Amino acid sequence: MERFDALVIGAGHNGLAAAAALGARGKSVCVLEKSGVVGGMAAEGRLAHLVYNLSEGEKRRLGVNLAEVDTVSLSPDGAHAVVRRGAAGFADGRAYPDAAAYGALHARLVRFAGVLAHLAEAPPLGLDGGLASFASLREIARLGKVGLGLKRLGKVEMREFLRVILSNAYDTILDELPDGPLAGALASDAVRGAWAGPRSPGTVFSLIYRLGHGGAVYRPEGGMGALAEAYAAAARGKGCEIRLNAPVARVLVEEDRACGVELADGARIAAQAVLSSAGPLQTMLLAGVAHFDIEATRRARNMRAKGSAAKLNFALSGRPVFTGLSEAQHHARLLVAPSAAAVERAFNPAKYGELPKSPVLEMVLDGTRFSVIASHVPTEPQGGWTRAARDQLEKVVVQAIEAHAPGFAGLVTGCEVLTPADIADLTGAPGGHWHHAEMGLDQVLTLRPIAGNARYALAVQGLYLCGASAHPGGDVTGLPGRNSAAQLLADGVL
């Protein structure tokens, strides 16, 4: 039987980041991927098409070229807003009347994000070793940094931080800005991939999470496929092996310790540790629920992970022309989120299993390929994702684009529609959810993915979570995988 120090289930970017981190410490690692491509949700043509929250350290480790792009928030009256980080203006170059207020709000949210950002770059806080242990002293020091960060904000800003952190994005945004394309852009970012509207409690936290590294938006040179390959190259560069088309059927457990996996073809591979990019319930099922107590299994089953984003990959016969945009602006991140109120209304049909009538869209043009993420689609519409439901979703998305790019419908030569159910099947993401689990306040930090499993380890010794359902959560960051590997090593498993 083959043997490695560690096996990683899933070659998504987090699984690859975990493998690279272990490989860098001299451990033998094999990554097992059920599909024929690396990257998971970051693979070319899947859900992700831009990078929002990648740290400078991760960029250096990957060595990939990232081009910062503007965001264009399209307006029905043609007065489109163009933003880059905290700067805002009209697409035609005129000064935006609310630019100063937008810049001040954006800067404040980025400062708030800075208070919490370092918590994302290490396993969640815990005092398992007692107050006197060295590990716990480090945890106390990390917690002290949060307090120091709050103090540095000053009394007024600290009070504002504490006021808004549990609040909803809608009220927080409209306290500072009139409703319109700028407010719509912030509101859509606050709920992108979430089963929530901007009026939902806790959505300010989601917005701050997205702004953790300054709020820039990047397009990888060569597309998302190049970024996924960079993660794979980083793992291989540390001696890790990656096997594609190698679905795992079960995790082997002996005396409550993970000791390897069995593949779908019956082959077995031994290891001292198994890291899973899947969600907690899927991982428990792979190992056998008999190894977990009833309460842990119940919590895993009830973890909130209702996918609400669909991906539409359009093939076009020519380049669409968006009214009021320059040539360069066609290659920006394009949003259909005309106001915060519109973003809230778009969520309403999904609550009842209905398809959106006016979807919130994020769009990226690449030659004659047009990548569109439609937010606020139901996880499972009434009647299921039938051919008619898929066609209806494509129709309403095309109509929404046509309103800003007349003639778009006539350019469409094909469209691949990936529903949340499709994304779940392709990637294993629970519910097809963007973040593998909701980023609500009851499922973040020491409560992510579920209470009792925040520090990656499951009840089976040597079995760890390393995907986006674990701390700190979704977006292409590599942090859940890197943190999981660090915790595994700190626990002395390898």
Protein backbone atom coordinates (compact mmCIF):
# COMPACT_ATOMS: atom_id res chain seq x y z
CA MET A 1 0.00 0.00 0.00
CA GLU A 2 1.26 3.47 -0.89
CA ARG A 3 2.03 5.71 2.07
CA PHE A 4 2.32 9.47 2.54
CA ASP A 5 2.61 11.67 5.60
CA ALA A 6 -0.60 13.46 4.61
CA LEU A 7 -3.38 13.12 2.06
CA VAL A 8 -5.44 16.11 0.93
CA ILE A 9 -8.93 15.51 -0.44
CA GLY A 10 -9.66 18.05 -3.15
CA ALA A 11 -7.34 20.13 -5.35
CA GLY A 12 -9.17 23.38 -4.87
CA HIS A 13 -6.95 26.33 -4.10
CA ASN A 14 -7.26 25.75 -0.35
CA GLY A 15 -6.37 22.09 -0.62
CA LEU A 16 -3.35 23.00 -2.72
CA ALA A 17 -2.34 25.72 -0.25
CA ALA A 18 -2.52 23.20 2.60
CA ALA A 19 -0.41 20.73 0.64
CA ALA A 20 2.22 23.37 -0.18
CA ALA A 21 2.43 24.42 3.48
CA LEU A 22 3.01 20.83 4.60
CA GLY A 23 5.43 20.17 1.75
CA ALA A 24 7.44 23.21 2.79
CA ARG A 25 7.95 21.49 6.16
CA GLY A 26 9.35 18.40 4.49
CA LYS A 27 6.20 16.27 4.67
CA SER A 28 5.23 13.89 1.87
CA VAL A 29 1.82 14.91 0.56
CA CYS A 30 -0.56 13.60 -2.10
CA VAL A 31 -3.56 15.65 -3.25
CA LEU A 32 -6.53 13.66 -4.57
CA GLU A 33 -8.95 15.45 -6.90
CA LYS A 34 -12.15 13.87 -8.23
CA SER A 35 -12.31 16.02 -11.38
CA GLY A 36 -9.85 16.46 -14.21
CA VAL A 37 -8.78 20.01 -13.30
CA VAL A 38 -7.22 21.79 -10.35
CA GLY A 39 -8.62 24.89 -8.70
CA GLY A 40 -12.05 23.85 -7.44
CA MET A 41 -14.35 26.88 -7.56
CA ALA A 42 -11.39 28.95 -8.80
CA ALA A 43 -10.90 26.74 -11.88
CA GLU A 44 -11.41 28.38 -15.27
CA GLY A 45 -15.10 28.67 -16.12
CA ARG A 46 -16.39 27.80 -12.67
CA LEU A 47 -17.66 30.34 -10.16
CA ALA A 48 -14.77 32.71 -9.46
CA HIS A 49 -13.58 35.00 -12.26
CA LEU A 50 -11.80 37.73 -10.28
CA VAL A 51 -9.66 37.95 -7.15
CA TYR A 52 -10.85 40.20 -4.34
CA ASN A 53 -9.06 39.34 -1.12
CA LEU A 54 -5.59 37.90 -1.77
CA SER A 55 -2.88 38.96 0.67
CA GLU A 56 0.46 40.37 -0.47
CA GLY A 57 2.20 37.35 1.04
CA GLU A 58 0.06 34.94 -0.96
CA LYS A 59 0.72 36.89 -4.16
CA ARG A 60 4.47 36.59 -3.58
CA ARG A 61 4.23 32.87 -2.83
CA LEU A 62 2.29 32.21 -6.02
CA GLY A 63 4.33 34.49 -8.26
CA VAL A 64 1.29 35.20 -10.42
CA ASN A 65 0.71 38.52 -12.18
CA LEU A 66 -2.48 40.27 -11.11
CA ALA A 67 -3.84 43.36 -12.87
CA GLU A 68 -5.98 45.66 -10.73
CA VAL A 69 -9.23 46.54 -12.48
CA ASP A 70 -11.88 49.20 -11.96
CA THR A 71 -15.44 48.42 -10.97
CA VAL A 72 -18.15 49.98 -13.14
CA SER A 73 -21.55 50.09 -11.47
CA LEU A 74 -24.01 50.46 -14.34
CA SER A 75 -26.89 52.90 -13.99
CA PRO A 76 -30.20 52.71 -15.89
CA ASP A 77 -29.87 56.39 -16.86
CA GLY A 78 -26.37 55.91 -18.28
CA ALA A 79 -24.66 57.82 -15.44
CA HIS A 80 -22.40 54.88 -14.64
CA ALA A 81 -20.14 55.06 -11.58
CA VAL A 82 -16.50 53.94 -11.83
CA VAL A 83 -14.70 53.03 -8.61
CA ARG A 84 -11.22 51.86 -7.73
CA ARG A 85 -10.78 51.20 -4.04
CA GLY A 86 -12.02 54.43 -2.44
CA ALA A 87 -11.99 56.66 -5.53
CA ALA A 88 -15.21 57.26 -7.48
CA GLY A 89 -16.20 59.16 -10.61
CA PHE A 90 -18.56 59.02 -13.56
CA ALA A 91 -17.64 56.81 -16.50
CA ASP A 92 -17.46 59.88 -18.77
CA GLY A 93 -14.83 61.47 -16.53
CA ARG A 94 -17.05 63.93 -14.68
CA ALA A 95 -16.66 64.29 -10.93
CA TYR A 96 -19.15 62.24 -8.92
CA PRO A 97 -21.07 64.41 -6.44
CA ASP A 98 -20.91 61.72 -3.74
CA ALA A 99 -17.26 60.81 -4.32
CA ALA A 100 -16.01 62.32 -1.06
CA ALA A 101 -18.68 60.59 1.03
CA TYR A 102 -18.01 57.29 -0.74
CA GLY A 103 -14.26 57.64 -0.21
CA ALA A 104 -14.72 58.40 3.49
CA LEU A 105 -17.04 55.41 4.00
CA HIS A 106 -14.76 53.08 2.06
CA ALA A 107 -11.69 54.24 4.02
CA ARG A 108 -13.51 53.73 7.33
CA LEU A 109 -14.58 50.20 6.38
CA VAL A 110 -11.03 49.35 5.28
CA ARG A 111 -9.73 50.60 8.64
CA PHE A 112 -12.27 48.42 10.41
CA ALA A 113 -11.21 45.47 8.25
CA GLY A 114 -7.61 46.07 9.29
CA VAL A 115 -8.55 45.53 12.94
CA LEU A 116 -9.76 42.01 12.16
CA ALA A 117 -7.58 41.07 9.17
CA HIS A 118 -4.77 39.40 11.13
CA LEU A 119 -7.32 37.07 12.77
CA ALA A 120 -7.91 35.55 9.34
CA GLU A 121 -4.25 34.69 8.86
CA ALA A 122 -4.01 32.17 11.71
CA PRO A 123 -6.24 29.49 13.23
CA PRO A 124 -9.12 30.83 15.34
CA LEU A 125 -8.37 31.93 18.87
CA GLY A 126 -8.48 29.25 21.54
CA LEU A 127 -7.16 28.63 25.03
CA ASP A 128 -7.28 24.83 24.97
CA GLY A 129 -3.91 24.47 26.66
CA GLY A 130 -4.83 26.62 29.67
CA LEU A 131 -3.80 30.18 30.37
CA ALA A 132 -0.20 29.27 31.30
CA SER A 133 0.69 27.33 28.15
CA PHE A 134 2.95 28.88 25.53
CA ALA A 135 0.33 28.37 22.82
CA SER A 136 -2.31 30.11 24.91
CA LEU A 137 0.01 33.02 25.66
CA ARG A 138 0.35 33.51 21.91
CA GLU A 139 -3.44 33.43 21.60
CA ILE A 140 -3.76 36.08 24.30
CA ALA A 141 -1.19 38.20 22.44
CA ARG A 142 -3.22 37.90 19.23
CA LEU A 143 -6.36 38.94 21.06
CA GLY A 144 -4.42 41.86 22.50
CA LYS A 145 -3.61 43.00 18.97
CA VAL A 146 -7.32 43.28 18.25
CA GLY A 147 -7.78 45.42 21.33
CA LEU A 148 -4.79 47.56 20.38
CA GLY A 149 -6.17 47.95 16.86
CA LEU A 150 -9.49 49.11 18.26
CA LYS A 151 -7.73 51.57 20.56
CA ARG A 152 -5.74 53.00 17.66
CA LEU A 153 -8.98 53.79 15.87
CA GLY A 154 -9.67 56.43 18.49
CA LYS A 155 -12.71 56.76 20.71
CA VAL A 156 -15.11 57.97 18.02
CA GLU A 157 -14.10 55.39 15.41
CA MET A 158 -14.04 52.58 17.98
CA ARG A 159 -17.61 53.36 18.97
CA GLU A 160 -18.59 53.41 15.30
CA PHE A 161 -16.89 50.04 14.75
CA LEU A 162 -18.79 48.48 17.65
CA ARG A 163 -22.03 50.06 16.41
CA VAL A 164 -21.88 48.81 12.84
CA ILE A 165 -20.07 45.45 13.08
CA LEU A 166 -23.32 43.63 13.95
CA SER A 167 -25.50 45.84 11.77
CA ASN A 168 -26.89 45.44 8.26
CA ALA A 169 -25.11 46.82 5.22
CA TYR A 170 -28.18 48.61 3.85
CA ASP A 171 -28.56 51.03 6.76
CA THR A 172 -24.82 51.49 7.22
CA ILE A 173 -24.33 52.43 3.56
CA LEU A 174 -27.36 54.69 3.28
CA ASP A 175 -26.40 56.49 6.48
CA GLU A 176 -23.51 57.92 4.45
CA LEU A 177 -24.60 57.83 0.79
CA PRO A 178 -27.75 58.52 -1.22
CA ASP A 179 -29.05 55.38 -2.86
CA GLY A 180 -27.75 54.75 -6.37
CA PRO A 181 -24.93 52.93 -8.21
CA LEU A 182 -22.28 53.57 -5.52
CA ALA A 183 -24.54 52.30 -2.75
CA GLY A 184 -25.58 49.39 -4.98
CA ALA A 185 -21.97 48.39 -5.57
CA LEU A 186 -21.23 48.28 -1.83
CA ALA A 187 -24.49 46.48 -1.07
CA SER A 188 -23.84 43.82 -3.70
CA ASP A 189 -20.33 43.22 -2.33
CA ALA A 190 -21.77 42.82 1.16
CA VAL A 191 -24.02 39.94 0.09
CA ARG A 192 -22.17 38.40 -2.85
CA GLY A 193 -22.56 34.65 -2.57
CA ALA A 194 -24.64 34.97 0.61
CA TRP A 195 -28.16 33.81 1.32
CA ALA A 196 -29.00 37.33 2.45
CA GLY A 197 -30.04 40.76 1.30
CA PRO A 198 -28.26 43.93 2.41
CA ARG A 199 -30.94 44.49 5.08
CA SER A 200 -30.01 41.16 6.72
CA PRO A 201 -28.24 41.50 10.10
CA GLY A 202 -24.49 40.98 10.07
CA THR A 203 -23.93 41.91 6.44
CA VAL A 204 -21.56 44.72 7.44
CA PHE A 205 -19.22 42.00 8.72
CA SER A 206 -19.36 40.31 5.29
CA LEU A 207 -18.49 43.60 3.60
CA ILE A 208 -15.59 44.21 5.97
CA TYR A 209 -14.33 40.67 5.31
CA ARG A 210 -14.28 41.41 1.57
CA LEU A 211 -12.23 44.57 2.25
CA GLY A 212 -9.65 42.75 4.36
CA HIS A 213 -6.76 43.59 2.04
CA GLY A 214 -7.79 47.05 0.89
CA GLY A 215 -10.76 46.31 -1.32
CA ALA A 216 -8.92 46.06 -4.64
CA VAL A 217 -10.21 43.82 -7.45
CA TYR A 218 -7.73 41.90 -9.60
CA ARG A 219 -7.82 39.94 -12.83
CA PRO A 220 -5.11 37.24 -13.02
CA GLU A 221 -2.95 37.34 -16.13
CA GLY A 222 -4.05 34.29 -18.10
CA GLY A 223 -7.37 34.07 -16.27
CA MET A 224 -8.45 32.11 -13.21
CA GLY A 225 -7.01 28.96 -14.74
CA ALA A 226 -3.55 30.50 -14.49
CA LEU A 227 -4.11 31.27 -10.81
CA ALA A 228 -5.29 27.71 -10.16
CA GLU A 229 -2.21 26.36 -11.93
CA ALA A 230 -0.03 28.69 -9.83
CA TYR A 231 -1.43 27.08 -6.68
CA ALA A 232 -0.74 23.64 -8.17
CA ALA A 233 2.79 24.64 -9.19
CA ALA A 234 3.47 25.94 -5.67
CA ALA A 235 2.42 22.57 -4.22
CA ARG A 236 4.43 20.56 -6.73
CA GLY A 237 7.40 22.85 -6.08
CA LYS A 238 7.32 21.67 -2.46
CA GLY A 239 7.38 18.02 -3.53
CA CYS A 240 3.64 17.36 -3.39
CA GLU A 241 1.96 14.93 -5.77
CA ILE A 242 -1.39 15.84 -7.37
CA ARG A 243 -3.63 13.13 -8.80
CA LEU A 244 -6.61 14.10 -10.95
CA ASN A 245 -9.66 11.92 -11.62
CA ALA A 246 -9.06 10.27 -8.25
CA PRO A 247 -12.31 10.51 -6.28
CA VAL A 248 -12.14 9.47 -2.63
CA ALA A 249 -14.83 6.97 -1.58
CA ARG A 250 -14.05 6.93 2.13
CA VAL A 251 -11.59 7.91 4.80
CA LEU A 252 -10.03 4.90 6.52
CA VAL A 253 -10.25 5.01 10.31
CA GLU A 254 -8.62 2.67 12.82
CA GLU A 255 -9.04 3.13 16.57
CA ASP A 256 -10.56 6.58 16.01
CA ARG A 257 -7.57 7.75 13.99
CA ALA A 258 -7.51 8.58 10.26
CA CYS A 259 -5.02 6.28 8.61
CA GLY A 260 -5.64 6.80 4.89
CA VAL A 261 -8.29 6.77 2.19
CA GLU A 262 -9.94 4.38 -0.19
CA LEU A 263 -10.49 5.63 -3.74
CA ALA A 264 -13.58 4.97 -5.83
CA ASP A 265 -11.68 2.29 -7.76
CA GLY A 266 -10.89 0.43 -4.53
CA ALA A 267 -7.24 1.45 -4.26
CA ARG A 268 -6.07 2.34 -0.76
CA ILE A 269 -3.46 4.91 0.27
CA ALA A 270 -2.11 5.12 3.82
CA ALA A 271 -1.28 8.33 5.67
CA GLN A 272 -0.79 9.73 9.16
CA ALA A 273 -3.18 12.61 8.47
CA VAL A 274 -6.04 13.39 6.11
CA LEU A 275 -7.07 16.95 5.27
CA SER A 276 -10.44 17.44 3.59
CA SER A 277 -11.46 20.37 1.39
CA ALA A 278 -15.06 19.21 1.68
CA GLY A 279 -17.52 20.54 4.24
CA PRO A 280 -17.82 19.06 7.73
CA LEU A 281 -20.82 16.85 6.95
CA GLN A 282 -19.34 15.46 3.74
CA THR A 283 -16.10 14.74 5.59
CA MET A 284 -17.94 13.02 8.45
CA LEU A 285 -19.82 10.88 5.94
CA LEU A 286 -16.55 9.88 4.27
CA ALA A 287 -15.14 8.77 7.61
CA GLY A 288 -18.42 7.26 8.85
CA VAL A 289 -20.78 9.09 11.17
CA ALA A 290 -20.37 6.36 13.81
CA HIS A 291 -17.05 8.02 14.72
CA PHE A 292 -18.74 11.32 15.67
CA ASP A 293 -21.12 12.17 18.47
CA ILE A 294 -24.73 12.91 17.65
CA GLU A 295 -24.51 16.61 18.53
CA ALA A 296 -21.54 17.22 16.21
CA THR A 297 -23.33 15.43 13.38
CA ARG A 298 -26.51 17.42 14.02
CA ARG A 299 -24.61 20.71 13.89
CA ALA A 300 -22.89 19.68 10.66
CA ARG A 301 -26.23 18.78 9.06
CA ASN A 302 -27.69 22.13 10.09
CA MET A 303 -24.75 24.27 8.94
CA ARG A 304 -26.18 27.02 6.76
CA ALA A 305 -24.89 26.66 3.22
CA LYS A 306 -27.58 27.54 0.69
CA GLY A 307 -25.91 28.48 -2.57
CA SER A 308 -27.35 31.66 -4.06
CA ALA A 309 -25.04 32.41 -6.98
CA ALA A 310 -25.18 30.98 -10.48
CA LYS A 311 -22.51 31.25 -13.15
CA LEU A 312 -23.30 31.85 -16.81
CA ASN A 313 -20.50 31.43 -19.33
CA PHE A 314 -21.52 33.08 -22.61
CA ALA A 315 -19.88 32.45 -25.96
CA LEU A 316 -20.31 35.46 -28.24
CA SER A 317 -19.91 36.07 -31.95
CA GLY A 318 -18.54 39.56 -31.28
CA ARG A 319 -17.77 42.02 -28.54
CA PRO A 320 -20.77 43.62 -26.83
CA VAL A 321 -20.91 47.40 -26.61
CA PHE A 322 -22.10 48.87 -23.33
CA THR A 323 -23.66 52.30 -23.70
CA GLY A 324 -21.61 55.05 -22.11
CA LEU A 325 -18.41 53.03 -21.57
CA SER A 326 -15.02 53.53 -23.16
CA GLU A 327 -13.03 50.69 -24.73
CA ALA A 328 -10.94 50.29 -21.57
CA GLN A 329 -14.00 50.33 -19.31
CA HIS A 330 -15.41 47.31 -21.12
CA HIS A 331 -12.62 45.31 -19.47
CA ALA A 332 -13.49 46.44 -15.95
CA ARG A 333 -15.55 44.52 -13.44
CA LEU A 334 -19.10 45.38 -14.54
CA LEU A 335 -21.97 45.38 -12.04
CA VAL A 336 -25.71 45.48 -12.49
CA ALA A 337 -26.65 46.67 -8.99
CA PRO A 338 -28.35 50.04 -9.60
CA SER A 339 -29.08 50.71 -5.92
CA ALA A 340 -28.99 49.13 -2.48
CA ALA A 341 -32.78 48.91 -2.63
CA ALA A 342 -32.56 47.02 -5.93
CA VAL A 343 -30.10 44.55 -4.40
CA GLU A 344 -32.51 43.95 -1.51
CA ARG A 345 -35.47 43.48 -3.88
CA ALA A 346 -33.48 41.01 -5.98
CA PHE A 347 -33.18 38.71 -2.96
CA ASN A 348 -36.93 38.52 -2.30
CA PRO A 349 -37.91 35.94 -4.98
CA ALA A 350 -35.15 33.52 -3.90
CA LYS A 351 -36.68 33.24 -0.42
CA TYR A 352 -39.69 31.54 -1.99
CA GLY A 353 -37.87 29.36 -4.50
CA GLU A 354 -38.50 31.74 -7.38
CA LEU A 355 -36.06 32.87 -10.05
CA PRO A 356 -34.97 36.52 -9.94
CA LYS A 357 -36.80 38.98 -12.16
CA SER A 358 -34.10 41.68 -11.94
CA PRO A 359 -30.90 39.84 -11.00
CA VAL A 360 -27.80 41.43 -9.52
CA LEU A 361 -24.94 40.68 -11.92
CA GLU A 362 -21.15 40.78 -11.87
CA MET A 363 -19.65 40.51 -15.36
CA VAL A 364 -16.20 40.12 -16.88
CA LEU A 365 -15.49 40.33 -20.61
CA ASP A 366 -12.61 38.35 -22.09
CA GLY A 367 -12.60 38.65 -25.87
CA THR A 368 -15.72 36.86 -27.06
CA ARG A 369 -16.17 35.05 -23.76
CA PHE A 370 -18.42 36.74 -21.24
CA SER A 371 -18.45 35.51 -17.65
CA VAL A 372 -21.48 36.44 -15.54
CA ILE A 373 -22.24 35.73 -11.88
CA ALA A 374 -25.94 36.08 -11.09
CA SER A 375 -26.67 36.62 -7.41
CA HIS A 376 -29.81 35.76 -5.47
CA VAL A 377 -30.86 32.68 -7.38
CA PRO A 378 -32.66 30.00 -5.35
CA THR A 379 -30.61 27.00 -4.27
CA GLU A 380 -33.40 24.80 -5.58
CA PRO A 381 -36.23 26.58 -7.42
CA GLN A 382 -39.81 25.39 -7.28
CA GLY A 383 -39.93 22.35 -9.54
CA GLY A 384 -36.15 21.96 -9.53
CA TRP A 385 -33.48 23.04 -12.00
CA THR A 386 -35.34 21.83 -15.08
CA ARG A 387 -34.35 22.80 -18.60
CA ALA A 388 -37.11 25.40 -18.52
CA ALA A 389 -35.76 26.90 -15.27
CA ARG A 390 -32.25 27.12 -16.69
CA ASP A 391 -33.55 28.73 -19.87
CA GLN A 392 -35.58 31.22 -17.84
CA LEU A 393 -32.52 32.20 -15.78
CA GLU A 394 -30.52 32.71 -18.96
CA LYS A 395 -33.36 34.78 -20.42
CA VAL A 396 -33.62 37.21 -17.47
CA VAL A 397 -29.83 37.59 -17.35
CA VAL A 398 -29.67 38.35 -21.08
CA GLN A 399 -32.48 40.89 -20.70
CA ALA A 400 -30.64 42.60 -17.84
CA ILE A 401 -27.46 42.82 -19.92
CA GLU A 402 -29.34 43.94 -23.04
CA ALA A 403 -30.64 46.96 -21.11
CA HIS A 404 -27.05 48.24 -20.92
CA ALA A 405 -25.60 46.65 -24.07
CA PRO A 406 -28.21 46.81 -26.86
CA GLY A 407 -27.82 43.93 -29.30
CA PHE A 408 -26.20 41.61 -26.75
CA ALA A 409 -28.81 38.89 -27.27
CA GLY A 410 -27.95 38.69 -30.96
CA LEU A 411 -24.28 38.03 -30.16
CA VAL A 412 -24.93 34.98 -27.98
CA THR A 413 -23.89 31.74 -29.69
CA GLY A 414 -23.96 29.56 -26.58
CA CYS A 415 -24.37 29.70 -22.84
CA GLU A 416 -23.32 27.32 -20.08
CA VAL A 417 -25.52 27.75 -17.00
CA LEU A 418 -24.03 26.52 -13.73
CA THR A 419 -26.61 26.48 -10.95
CA PRO A 420 -25.77 26.09 -7.26
CA ALA A 421 -26.58 22.39 -7.67
CA ASP A 422 -24.12 22.13 -10.57
CA ILE A 423 -21.42 23.93 -8.59
CA ALA A 424 -21.95 21.54 -5.67
CA ASP A 425 -21.60 18.54 -8.01
CA LEU A 426 -18.50 19.93 -9.73
CA THR A 427 -16.61 21.12 -6.67
CA GLY A 428 -18.11 19.47 -3.61
CA ALA A 429 -18.91 22.89 -2.12
CA PRO A 430 -21.75 22.38 0.38
CA GLY A 431 -24.95 23.59 -1.24
CA GLY A 432 -22.91 25.06 -4.09
CA HIS A 433 -22.25 27.97 -1.73
CA TRP A 434 -19.64 30.58 -2.73
CA HIS A 435 -18.04 30.41 0.74
CA HIS A 436 -18.90 26.71 1.34
CA ALA A 437 -20.93 27.99 4.34
CA GLU A 438 -22.68 31.24 5.21
CA MET A 439 -20.44 33.99 6.55
CA GLY A 440 -23.07 34.98 9.12
CA LEU A 441 -22.00 36.02 12.60
CA ASP A 442 -22.97 32.57 13.93
CA GLN A 443 -20.60 30.88 11.45
CA VAL A 444 -17.38 32.91 11.59
CA LEU A 445 -14.21 32.99 13.68
CA THR A 446 -14.47 30.50 16.59
CA LEU A 447 -17.89 29.34 15.36
CA ARG A 448 -16.76 28.37 11.85
CA PRO A 449 -17.87 26.04 10.40
CA ILE A 450 -19.76 24.84 13.49
CA ALA A 451 -19.35 25.23 17.23
CA GLY A 452 -16.76 22.76 18.51
CA ASN A 453 -14.83 22.37 15.25
CA ALA A 454 -13.35 25.82 14.76
CA ARG A 455 -9.69 24.74 14.85
CA TYR A 456 -9.93 22.46 11.80
CA ALA A 457 -9.61 19.12 13.68
CA LEU A 458 -12.57 16.76 13.74
CA ALA A 459 -13.21 14.13 16.41
CA VAL A 460 -11.29 11.50 14.45
CA GLN A 461 -7.63 12.08 15.29
CA GLY A 462 -5.61 13.21 12.28
CA LEU A 463 -8.69 14.27 10.27
CA TYR A 464 -8.77 18.00 9.49
CA LEU A 465 -10.90 20.40 7.47
CA CYS A 466 -8.96 22.63 5.06
CA GLY A 467 -11.62 24.08 2.73
CA ALA A 468 -13.53 27.35 2.67
CA SER A 469 -16.12 26.06 5.14
CA ALA A 470 -13.36 26.40 7.75
CA HIS A 471 -11.94 29.64 9.19
CA PRO A 472 -11.65 32.30 7.83
CA GLY A 473 -14.04 31.42 4.99
CA GLY A 474 -14.47 31.93 1.27
CA ASP A 475 -13.00 33.95 -1.59
CA VAL A 476 -9.70 32.97 -3.18
CA THR A 477 -7.27 33.47 -0.28
CA GLY A 478 -5.65 30.10 0.44
CA LEU A 479 -5.94 30.92 4.15
CA PRO A 480 -8.22 28.06 5.27
CA GLY A 481 -5.79 25.56 3.76
CA ARG A 482 -2.65 27.25 5.04
CA ASN A 483 -4.13 27.71 8.53
CA SER A 484 -5.31 24.10 8.68
CA ALA A 485 -1.83 22.83 7.84
CA ALA A 486 -0.35 25.09 10.52
CA GLN A 487 -2.81 23.79 13.13
CA LEU A 488 -2.14 20.17 12.19
CA LEU A 489 1.59 20.69 12.68
CA ALA A 490 1.05 22.60 15.93
CA ASP A 491 -1.06 19.70 17.22
CA GLY A 492 1.89 17.35 16.65
CA VAL A 493 0.01 15.05 14.29
CA LEU A 494 3.03 14.94 11.93
